[in-house]
Amino acid sequence: MDYDTTLEHLYRLERFGIKLGLDNIRRLLALLGDPHRGLKVLHVTGTNGKGSVCASAASVLENAGYRVGLYTSPHLVRFNERIQVNRTPIADDEVLRLWSGMQPAIRAMTAARAIDHPTFFEVTTAMAFEHFRERKVDVAVIEVGMGGRMDATNVVDGLVSVVTRVDLEHTEHLGRTVSRIAREKAGIIKPTSRAVTVSQEALPVIEARCRDVHAPLVVVGRDVRAERRGGDLRGQEVRVRGSFGEIDVRTPLLGAFQVENLALAVTALVQLREAGFVIPDEAIRNGLASTRWPARLDLIREKPSILVDGAHNRPAAEALAVSMQELFPGRKVSLVVGILNDKDLKGMAAALGPLASRVYACRPKTHRAFDGEDVALAFRPYAESVSIPAVRDAIDAAIDGGTPDGIVLITGSIYTAGEALDHFGVRP
């Protein structure tokens, strides 16, 4: 079996859908020898900002001299991006070998009932844990897939558990209120954890979980403060202050929303210090300055300015709009947008539509996406909108229809962002 065939088999597992619960993943891991046991973990959940926090923390930990596993989802261009050690994606032949080695365990699980077959995310999570065990990582930075309490990654006990800002998402699985969703996400906080979150509507729920399991909690916006000191299209300077003192850092990640994410990452790293890790301030500064997290307000080309952002829900779209207005005050953009059909289309249109001089609505390559015409219709109250089915064709039309000093913003989902990066030949 070659690598492409292996990926085909992996993606076919999506037919098993989402299984909320830990019994299946625990059984799979047990059959594999429990590769997650003994991992030292920084575990991150929330609605938006999870990936940025993970990437920033992993970069700092590597700079501090540790071998760092990083597990995130979804990927932008290649599956291998999901599983990294010291920012190097897992090799094709390792994916093939791990998948092949997992087959006896999968056969054992399905011998009695086919319905017990592990899902795509369960298999990928097990693959990440096995890869991290084999590579003998010193610490693993793990992003949840969905929720927290019943997420497949929650078989680990994090040394530090981070809950980023929580908003409505996946309501059919997690609940229909912010409080209910927050209870699910706070489930990653364990008696072993030091918890970090941000001052927000969901804070009382997170505080209650910390009391229940006797986990100390540090809150960005209350116990830790972050202040942006300056910035341009190449990055921004931020001062973070807390009981640990203050540290001035620079990040190449753009957007006002990244200030909070950066503060969460710094706070989590300080908590890892309390757990015994040696993380000098210089490693924090150098690691944050070298963080790479593509498709998050990512300036990939100039003249025209082309930015790619994976904003995939209403809160992220609102934060993106604020940041675009700060970076390009008074300027309109050519907006290329493709959105998944479980998202608040009208809310995202209300957030992003006023930025646009013209909207090029498209449909990324997933059955979960809105048709381009539906997206165009939602944006028409704000700007002239046309439907161009393929992401790459919509991007080309936006560039051709603009000027050399114009701005093209490509956004709406990670899938749209990933296709954009692939179109431009950018490899995350």
Protein backbone atom coordinates (compact mmCIF):
# COMPACT_ATOMS: atom_id res chain seq x y z
CA MET A 1 0.00 0.00 0.00
CA ASP A 2 1.38 3.45 -0.90
CA TYR A 3 0.89 6.77 0.91
CA ASP A 4 -1.98 8.05 -1.26
CA THR A 5 -3.88 4.78 -0.80
CA THR A 6 -3.30 5.01 2.94
CA LEU A 7 -4.83 8.49 3.01
CA GLU A 8 -7.81 7.25 1.01
CA HIS A 9 -8.41 4.58 3.65
CA LEU A 10 -8.03 7.15 6.44
CA TYR A 11 -10.47 9.61 4.90
CA ARG A 12 -13.01 6.84 4.35
CA LEU A 13 -13.21 6.57 8.13
CA GLU A 14 -15.12 9.88 8.10
CA ARG A 15 -18.18 7.79 7.25
CA PHE A 16 -18.18 6.70 10.90
CA GLY A 17 -18.89 10.32 11.81
CA ILE A 18 -18.27 11.79 15.24
CA LYS A 19 -18.37 9.59 18.33
CA LEU A 20 -18.44 11.62 21.51
CA GLY A 21 -17.04 9.45 24.28
CA LEU A 22 -13.78 7.90 25.34
CA ASP A 23 -14.53 4.17 25.39
CA ASN A 24 -13.60 3.64 21.73
CA ILE A 25 -10.32 5.57 21.82
CA ARG A 26 -9.33 3.97 25.13
CA ARG A 27 -9.86 0.50 23.69
CA LEU A 28 -7.86 1.35 20.57
CA LEU A 29 -5.01 2.82 22.62
CA ALA A 30 -5.01 -0.18 24.98
CA LEU A 31 -4.61 -2.52 22.02
CA LEU A 32 -1.67 -0.38 20.88
CA GLY A 33 0.01 -0.48 24.27
CA ASP A 34 -1.32 2.84 25.61
CA PRO A 35 1.14 5.13 23.81
CA HIS A 36 -0.33 8.19 25.54
CA ARG A 37 0.70 7.00 28.98
CA GLY A 38 3.54 9.05 30.40
CA LEU A 39 3.17 11.93 27.94
CA LYS A 40 3.62 15.36 29.51
CA VAL A 41 0.87 17.42 27.93
CA LEU A 42 -0.15 21.01 27.36
CA HIS A 43 -3.83 20.54 26.41
CA VAL A 44 -5.75 23.31 24.64
CA THR A 45 -9.48 23.72 23.99
CA GLY A 46 -11.84 26.62 23.24
CA THR A 47 -13.75 28.02 20.29
CA ASN A 48 -11.20 30.25 18.56
CA GLY A 49 -7.47 30.72 19.01
CA LYS A 50 -6.60 27.12 19.95
CA GLY A 51 -4.20 26.59 17.09
CA SER A 52 -2.40 29.90 17.57
CA VAL A 53 -1.90 29.16 21.28
CA CYS A 54 -0.59 25.68 20.45
CA ALA A 55 1.78 26.89 17.74
CA SER A 56 3.16 29.68 19.94
CA ALA A 57 3.69 27.41 22.94
CA ALA A 58 5.30 24.67 20.84
CA SER A 59 7.70 27.16 19.27
CA VAL A 60 8.79 28.44 22.70
CA LEU A 61 9.23 24.95 24.15
CA GLU A 62 11.40 23.93 21.20
CA ASN A 63 13.44 27.11 21.66
CA ALA A 64 13.91 26.16 25.30
CA GLY A 65 15.60 22.95 24.16
CA TYR A 66 12.74 20.43 24.43
CA ARG A 67 11.63 17.85 21.88
CA VAL A 68 8.05 18.93 21.26
CA GLY A 69 5.14 17.01 19.80
CA LEU A 70 2.36 19.13 18.25
CA TYR A 71 -1.06 17.71 17.35
CA THR A 72 -3.59 20.05 15.72
CA SER A 73 -6.55 19.82 13.36
CA PRO A 74 -7.72 20.21 10.70
CA HIS A 75 -4.80 20.46 8.30
CA LEU A 76 -4.50 23.16 5.65
CA VAL A 77 -2.85 21.44 2.70
CA ARG A 78 -1.45 18.05 3.75
CA PHE A 79 -2.59 15.54 6.35
CA ASN A 80 0.96 15.38 7.75
CA GLU A 81 0.63 18.90 9.21
CA ARG A 82 -1.56 17.49 11.98
CA ILE A 83 1.28 15.56 13.65
CA GLN A 84 4.62 17.32 14.10
CA VAL A 85 7.77 16.98 16.19
CA ASN A 86 9.82 20.15 16.52
CA ARG A 87 7.72 21.69 13.74
CA THR A 88 8.58 18.91 11.29
CA PRO A 89 5.44 17.17 9.96
CA ILE A 90 5.27 13.40 10.17
CA ALA A 91 6.81 11.73 7.10
CA ASP A 92 4.67 9.95 4.51
CA ASP A 93 6.24 6.57 5.21
CA GLU A 94 5.60 6.99 8.94
CA VAL A 95 1.90 7.59 8.28
CA LEU A 96 1.80 4.45 6.16
CA ARG A 97 3.70 2.37 8.76
CA LEU A 98 1.57 3.55 11.69
CA TRP A 99 -1.67 2.92 9.78
CA SER A 100 -0.53 -0.56 8.79
CA GLY A 101 0.55 -1.34 12.35
CA MET A 102 -2.86 -0.32 13.64
CA GLN A 103 -4.78 -2.86 11.56
CA PRO A 104 -4.68 -5.78 14.04
CA ALA A 105 -6.08 -3.50 16.75
CA ILE A 106 -8.85 -2.27 14.45
CA ARG A 107 -9.75 -5.84 13.47
CA ALA A 108 -9.96 -6.78 17.14
CA MET A 109 -12.29 -3.84 17.81
CA THR A 110 -14.63 -4.69 14.95
CA ALA A 111 -14.65 -8.48 15.34
CA ALA A 112 -17.97 -8.43 17.16
CA ARG A 113 -19.56 -5.20 15.87
CA ALA A 114 -18.59 -3.17 12.82
CA ILE A 115 -20.03 -0.09 14.52
CA ASP A 116 -17.10 -0.17 16.96
CA HIS A 117 -14.69 0.81 14.18
CA PRO A 118 -12.65 3.83 15.32
CA THR A 119 -13.41 7.14 13.64
CA PHE A 120 -11.03 9.19 11.52
CA PHE A 121 -10.21 11.46 14.47
CA GLU A 122 -9.73 8.55 16.87
CA VAL A 123 -7.30 6.86 14.49
CA THR A 124 -5.43 10.11 13.84
CA THR A 125 -5.20 10.82 17.58
CA ALA A 126 -3.84 7.34 18.27
CA MET A 127 -1.36 7.78 15.42
CA ALA A 128 -0.14 11.05 16.97
CA PHE A 129 0.33 9.47 20.40
CA GLU A 130 2.23 6.53 18.93
CA HIS A 131 4.47 8.87 16.89
CA PHE A 132 5.20 10.98 19.97
CA ARG A 133 6.06 7.87 22.00
CA GLU A 134 8.42 6.60 19.30
CA ARG A 135 10.09 9.99 18.96
CA LYS A 136 10.42 10.26 22.77
CA VAL A 137 9.02 13.79 22.96
CA ASP A 138 9.64 15.72 26.18
CA VAL A 139 6.26 17.42 25.97
CA ALA A 140 3.21 17.22 23.70
CA VAL A 141 1.07 20.22 22.81
CA ILE A 142 -2.38 18.83 22.05
CA GLU A 143 -5.35 20.66 20.51
CA VAL A 144 -8.77 19.11 21.07
CA GLY A 145 -10.81 18.17 18.03
CA MET A 146 -14.22 19.24 19.35
CA GLY A 147 -15.44 20.13 22.81
CA GLY A 148 -13.18 18.64 25.45
CA ARG A 149 -14.76 16.31 27.99
CA MET A 150 -15.71 13.66 25.43
CA ASP A 151 -13.05 14.49 22.84
CA ALA A 152 -10.70 11.66 21.85
CA THR A 153 -7.68 13.66 23.03
CA ASN A 154 -9.08 13.78 26.59
CA VAL A 155 -7.55 10.44 27.50
CA VAL A 156 -4.49 12.47 28.53
CA ASP A 157 -4.11 14.33 31.81
CA GLY A 158 -2.67 17.72 30.98
CA LEU A 159 -0.04 19.34 33.17
CA VAL A 160 -1.54 22.59 31.93
CA SER A 161 -5.06 22.85 30.48
CA VAL A 162 -5.95 25.96 28.47
CA VAL A 163 -9.49 27.07 27.62
CA THR A 164 -9.48 29.88 25.05
CA ARG A 165 -12.52 32.10 24.50
CA VAL A 166 -15.73 30.05 24.28
CA ASP A 167 -18.66 30.79 21.98
CA LEU A 168 -21.49 28.90 20.32
CA GLU A 169 -20.22 26.10 18.06
CA HIS A 170 -21.14 22.51 17.27
CA THR A 171 -24.35 23.09 19.21
CA GLU A 172 -25.83 19.80 18.00
CA HIS A 173 -23.07 17.97 19.90
CA LEU A 174 -21.95 20.33 22.68
CA GLY A 175 -25.10 22.18 23.75
CA ARG A 176 -27.03 25.27 22.77
CA THR A 177 -25.71 27.76 25.30
CA VAL A 178 -22.24 29.15 25.96
CA SER A 179 -22.41 27.80 29.53
CA ARG A 180 -23.24 24.27 28.37
CA ILE A 181 -20.46 24.34 25.77
CA ALA A 182 -18.04 25.70 28.37
CA ARG A 183 -18.85 22.77 30.66
CA GLU A 184 -17.86 20.39 27.88
CA LYS A 185 -14.65 22.25 27.12
CA ALA A 186 -13.68 22.61 30.78
CA GLY A 187 -13.71 18.83 30.98
CA ILE A 188 -10.04 18.78 29.94
CA ILE A 189 -9.15 20.33 33.32
CA LYS A 190 -8.05 17.49 35.60
CA PRO A 191 -6.80 17.16 39.18
CA THR A 192 -3.33 17.02 37.62
CA SER A 193 -3.83 20.32 35.79
CA ARG A 194 -2.91 23.91 36.19
CA ALA A 195 -5.66 25.74 34.31
CA VAL A 196 -5.45 28.87 32.16
CA THR A 197 -8.32 30.77 30.57
CA VAL A 198 -9.43 34.27 29.65
CA SER A 199 -11.93 36.58 31.33
CA GLN A 200 -15.18 35.85 29.49
CA GLU A 201 -18.86 34.98 29.80
CA ALA A 202 -18.00 31.32 30.41
CA LEU A 203 -15.57 32.06 33.27
CA PRO A 204 -17.93 30.99 36.12
CA VAL A 205 -18.32 27.55 34.54
CA ILE A 206 -14.55 27.16 34.16
CA GLU A 207 -13.99 28.35 37.74
CA ALA A 208 -16.51 25.79 38.99
CA ARG A 209 -14.70 22.97 37.21
CA CYS A 210 -11.40 24.10 38.72
CA ARG A 211 -12.93 24.08 42.20
CA ASP A 212 -14.37 20.61 41.65
CA VAL A 213 -10.99 19.09 40.72
CA HIS A 214 -8.86 21.43 42.89
CA ALA A 215 -6.97 22.83 39.90
CA PRO A 216 -5.33 26.26 40.29
CA LEU A 217 -6.61 28.77 37.70
CA VAL A 218 -4.94 31.79 36.12
CA VAL A 219 -7.15 34.16 34.12
CA VAL A 220 -5.86 36.38 31.32
CA GLY A 221 -7.58 39.74 31.68
CA ARG A 222 -7.71 39.40 35.47
CA ASP A 223 -4.49 37.88 36.78
CA VAL A 224 -2.44 38.49 33.64
CA ARG A 225 -2.62 41.56 31.40
CA ALA A 226 -1.51 41.98 27.82
CA GLU A 227 -1.00 45.27 26.04
CA ARG A 228 -0.13 45.80 22.40
CA ARG A 229 2.78 48.25 22.15
CA GLY A 230 2.99 48.56 18.39
CA GLY A 231 2.93 46.68 15.13
CA ASP A 232 2.84 46.67 11.36
CA LEU A 233 2.22 44.20 8.55
CA ARG A 234 5.26 42.22 9.71
CA GLY A 235 4.07 41.58 13.25
CA GLN A 236 3.24 43.18 16.58
CA GLU A 237 4.87 43.92 19.93
CA VAL A 238 3.05 42.93 23.11
CA ARG A 239 3.80 43.41 26.80
CA VAL A 240 2.52 40.65 29.11
CA ARG A 241 2.37 41.32 32.86
CA GLY A 242 1.51 39.02 35.76
CA SER A 243 2.78 37.70 39.06
CA PHE A 244 5.83 36.46 37.13
CA GLY A 245 6.75 40.05 36.27
CA GLU A 246 6.53 41.46 32.76
CA ILE A 247 7.94 40.42 29.42
CA ASP A 248 8.01 42.28 26.12
CA VAL A 249 7.61 40.00 23.12
CA ARG A 250 7.12 40.23 19.38
CA THR A 251 4.99 37.91 17.29
CA PRO A 252 4.75 37.68 13.50
CA LEU A 253 1.07 36.76 13.89
CA LEU A 254 -1.16 39.65 12.83
CA GLY A 255 -4.49 40.74 14.27
CA ALA A 256 -5.72 42.29 17.49
CA PHE A 257 -7.18 38.91 18.48
CA GLN A 258 -3.67 37.43 18.62
CA VAL A 259 -2.80 39.60 21.63
CA GLU A 260 -5.11 37.50 23.80
CA ASN A 261 -3.86 34.26 22.25
CA LEU A 262 -0.27 35.27 22.88
CA ALA A 263 -1.06 36.13 26.50
CA LEU A 264 -2.70 32.70 26.93
CA ALA A 265 0.39 31.02 25.50
CA VAL A 266 2.78 32.97 27.76
CA THR A 267 0.62 32.23 30.80
CA ALA A 268 0.49 28.52 29.96
CA LEU A 269 4.27 28.46 29.60
CA VAL A 270 4.70 30.14 32.97
CA GLN A 271 2.45 27.45 34.44
CA LEU A 272 4.63 24.79 32.81
CA ARG A 273 7.55 26.39 34.63
CA GLU A 274 5.64 25.80 37.86
CA ALA A 275 5.33 22.15 36.81
CA GLY A 276 9.11 21.87 36.50
CA PHE A 277 9.96 22.89 32.94
CA VAL A 278 12.91 25.24 32.44
CA ILE A 279 11.65 27.98 30.12
CA PRO A 280 13.78 31.15 30.26
CA ASP A 281 12.30 34.50 29.26
CA GLU A 282 14.73 34.57 26.34
CA ALA A 283 13.24 31.30 25.04
CA ILE A 284 9.78 32.87 25.30
CA ARG A 285 10.89 35.92 23.33
CA ASN A 286 12.75 33.94 20.67
CA GLY A 287 10.11 31.26 20.38
CA LEU A 288 7.24 33.68 19.96
CA ALA A 289 9.20 35.73 17.43
CA SER A 290 9.73 32.61 15.30
CA THR A 291 6.18 31.21 15.56
CA ARG A 292 4.70 30.14 12.24
CA TRP A 293 0.96 29.49 12.04
CA PRO A 294 -0.22 29.83 8.42
CA ALA A 295 -3.61 31.12 7.29
CA ARG A 296 -4.23 33.24 10.36
CA LEU A 297 -4.33 36.76 8.93
CA ASP A 298 -1.42 35.59 6.84
CA LEU A 299 0.06 38.11 4.37
CA ILE A 300 1.28 35.80 1.63
CA ARG A 301 1.82 38.30 -1.21
CA GLU A 302 2.15 42.03 -1.78
CA LYS A 303 1.04 44.23 -4.72
CA PRO A 304 -1.73 43.38 -4.44
CA SER A 305 -1.78 42.56 -0.74
CA ILE A 306 -3.19 39.04 -0.46
CA LEU A 307 -4.17 37.81 3.00
CA VAL A 308 -5.47 34.37 3.95
CA ASP A 309 -7.37 33.77 7.18
CA GLY A 310 -9.11 30.64 8.41
CA ALA A 311 -11.91 32.50 10.26
CA HIS A 312 -14.66 29.87 10.27
CA ASN A 313 -17.41 31.20 12.54
CA ARG A 314 -19.10 34.46 13.49
CA PRO A 315 -16.83 35.43 16.43
CA ALA A 316 -13.72 34.77 14.34
CA ALA A 317 -15.17 36.76 11.44
CA GLU A 318 -15.94 39.68 13.75
CA ALA A 319 -12.39 39.60 15.15
CA LEU A 320 -10.98 39.42 11.63
CA ALA A 321 -13.02 42.45 10.56
CA VAL A 322 -11.70 44.51 13.48
CA SER A 323 -8.11 43.57 12.64
CA MET A 324 -8.53 44.34 8.93
CA GLN A 325 -9.89 47.79 9.77
CA GLU A 326 -6.87 48.41 12.02
CA LEU A 327 -4.36 47.22 9.42
CA PHE A 328 -6.01 48.90 6.44
CA PRO A 329 -8.08 51.81 7.83
CA GLY A 330 -10.71 53.07 5.44
CA ARG A 331 -9.76 50.54 2.73
CA LYS A 332 -12.15 48.15 1.02
CA VAL A 333 -11.12 44.62 0.03
CA SER A 334 -11.89 42.11 -2.67
CA LEU A 335 -13.33 39.32 -0.52
CA VAL A 336 -13.04 35.66 -1.51
CA VAL A 337 -15.19 33.63 0.86
CA GLY A 338 -16.26 30.00 1.24
CA ILE A 339 -18.13 28.88 4.38
CA LEU A 340 -19.16 25.54 5.87
CA ASN A 341 -22.87 24.85 6.06
CA ASP A 342 -23.00 24.36 9.84
CA LYS A 343 -21.87 27.96 10.44
CA ASP A 344 -23.80 31.21 10.97
CA LEU A 345 -23.73 32.40 7.36
CA LYS A 346 -25.77 35.55 7.97
CA GLY A 347 -23.66 36.45 11.01
CA MET A 348 -20.42 35.99 9.09
CA ALA A 349 -21.78 38.04 6.20
CA ALA A 350 -22.75 40.85 8.59
CA ALA A 351 -19.22 40.85 10.02
CA LEU A 352 -17.24 40.63 6.78
CA GLY A 353 -19.58 42.15 4.21
CA PRO A 354 -18.96 45.81 5.14
CA LEU A 355 -15.22 45.30 4.43
CA ALA A 356 -15.84 44.36 0.82
CA SER A 357 -15.94 46.30 -2.41
CA ARG A 358 -16.81 43.04 -4.16
CA VAL A 359 -17.41 39.50 -2.93
CA TYR A 360 -16.33 36.36 -4.79
CA ALA A 361 -18.30 33.53 -3.18
CA CYS A 362 -17.01 30.00 -3.67
CA ARG A 363 -17.32 26.49 -2.32
CA PRO A 364 -14.31 24.65 -0.85
CA LYS A 365 -13.89 20.96 -1.65
CA THR A 366 -16.00 19.45 1.09
CA HIS A 367 -19.58 18.21 1.20
CA ARG A 368 -20.01 20.33 4.34
CA ALA A 369 -19.78 23.68 2.50
CA PHE A 370 -22.50 26.10 1.47
CA ASP A 371 -23.05 26.42 -2.26
CA GLY A 372 -21.38 29.54 -3.63
CA GLU A 373 -24.67 31.09 -4.67
CA ASP A 374 -26.02 30.79 -1.12
CA VAL A 375 -22.94 32.60 0.17
CA ALA A 376 -23.21 35.29 -2.51
CA LEU A 377 -26.87 35.85 -1.61
CA ALA A 378 -25.99 36.37 2.06
CA PHE A 379 -23.36 38.99 1.19
CA ARG A 380 -25.42 40.95 -1.38
CA PRO A 381 -26.92 43.37 1.18
CA TYR A 382 -23.36 44.61 1.81
CA ALA A 383 -21.51 44.49 -1.51
CA GLU A 384 -21.73 43.32 -5.10
CA SER A 385 -21.41 39.54 -4.89
CA VAL A 386 -20.83 36.87 -7.51
CA SER A 387 -20.65 33.10 -7.23
CA ILE A 388 -17.58 31.38 -8.69
CA PRO A 389 -17.68 27.71 -7.63
CA ALA A 390 -13.98 26.80 -7.33
CA VAL A 391 -11.81 28.52 -4.71
CA ARG A 392 -8.86 28.92 -7.06
CA ASP A 393 -11.05 30.44 -9.80
CA ALA A 394 -12.59 32.88 -7.31
CA ILE A 395 -9.11 33.93 -6.17
CA ASP A 396 -7.93 34.49 -9.74
CA ALA A 397 -11.05 36.52 -10.51
CA ALA A 398 -10.52 38.68 -7.42
CA ILE A 399 -6.91 39.38 -8.39
CA ASP A 400 -7.78 40.06 -12.02
CA GLY A 401 -10.62 42.37 -11.01
CA GLY A 402 -8.48 44.40 -8.63
CA THR A 403 -5.52 46.77 -8.86
CA PRO A 404 -1.81 46.33 -7.97
CA ASP A 405 -2.31 48.38 -4.79
CA GLY A 406 -5.53 46.60 -3.84
CA ILE A 407 -6.29 44.11 -1.06
CA VAL A 408 -7.57 40.56 -1.50
CA LEU A 409 -8.82 38.76 1.62
CA ILE A 410 -9.49 35.01 1.37
CA THR A 411 -11.42 33.56 4.30
CA GLY A 412 -14.52 31.73 5.58
CA SER A 413 -13.11 28.35 6.61
CA ILE A 414 -9.89 26.43 7.12
CA TYR A 415 -10.80 24.47 3.99
CA THR A 416 -11.00 27.67 1.91
CA ALA A 417 -7.73 28.89 3.43
CA GLY A 418 -6.00 25.58 2.73
CA GLU A 419 -7.06 25.58 -0.92
CA ALA A 420 -5.81 29.16 -1.20
CA LEU A 421 -2.37 28.28 0.17
CA ASP A 422 -2.20 25.30 -2.18
CA HIS A 423 -3.13 27.53 -5.12
CA PHE A 424 -0.28 29.90 -4.30
CA GLY A 425 2.17 27.06 -3.74
CA VAL A 426 2.57 27.87 -0.04
CA ARG A 427 3.51 24.84 2.06
CA PRO A 428 2.63 25.22 5.77
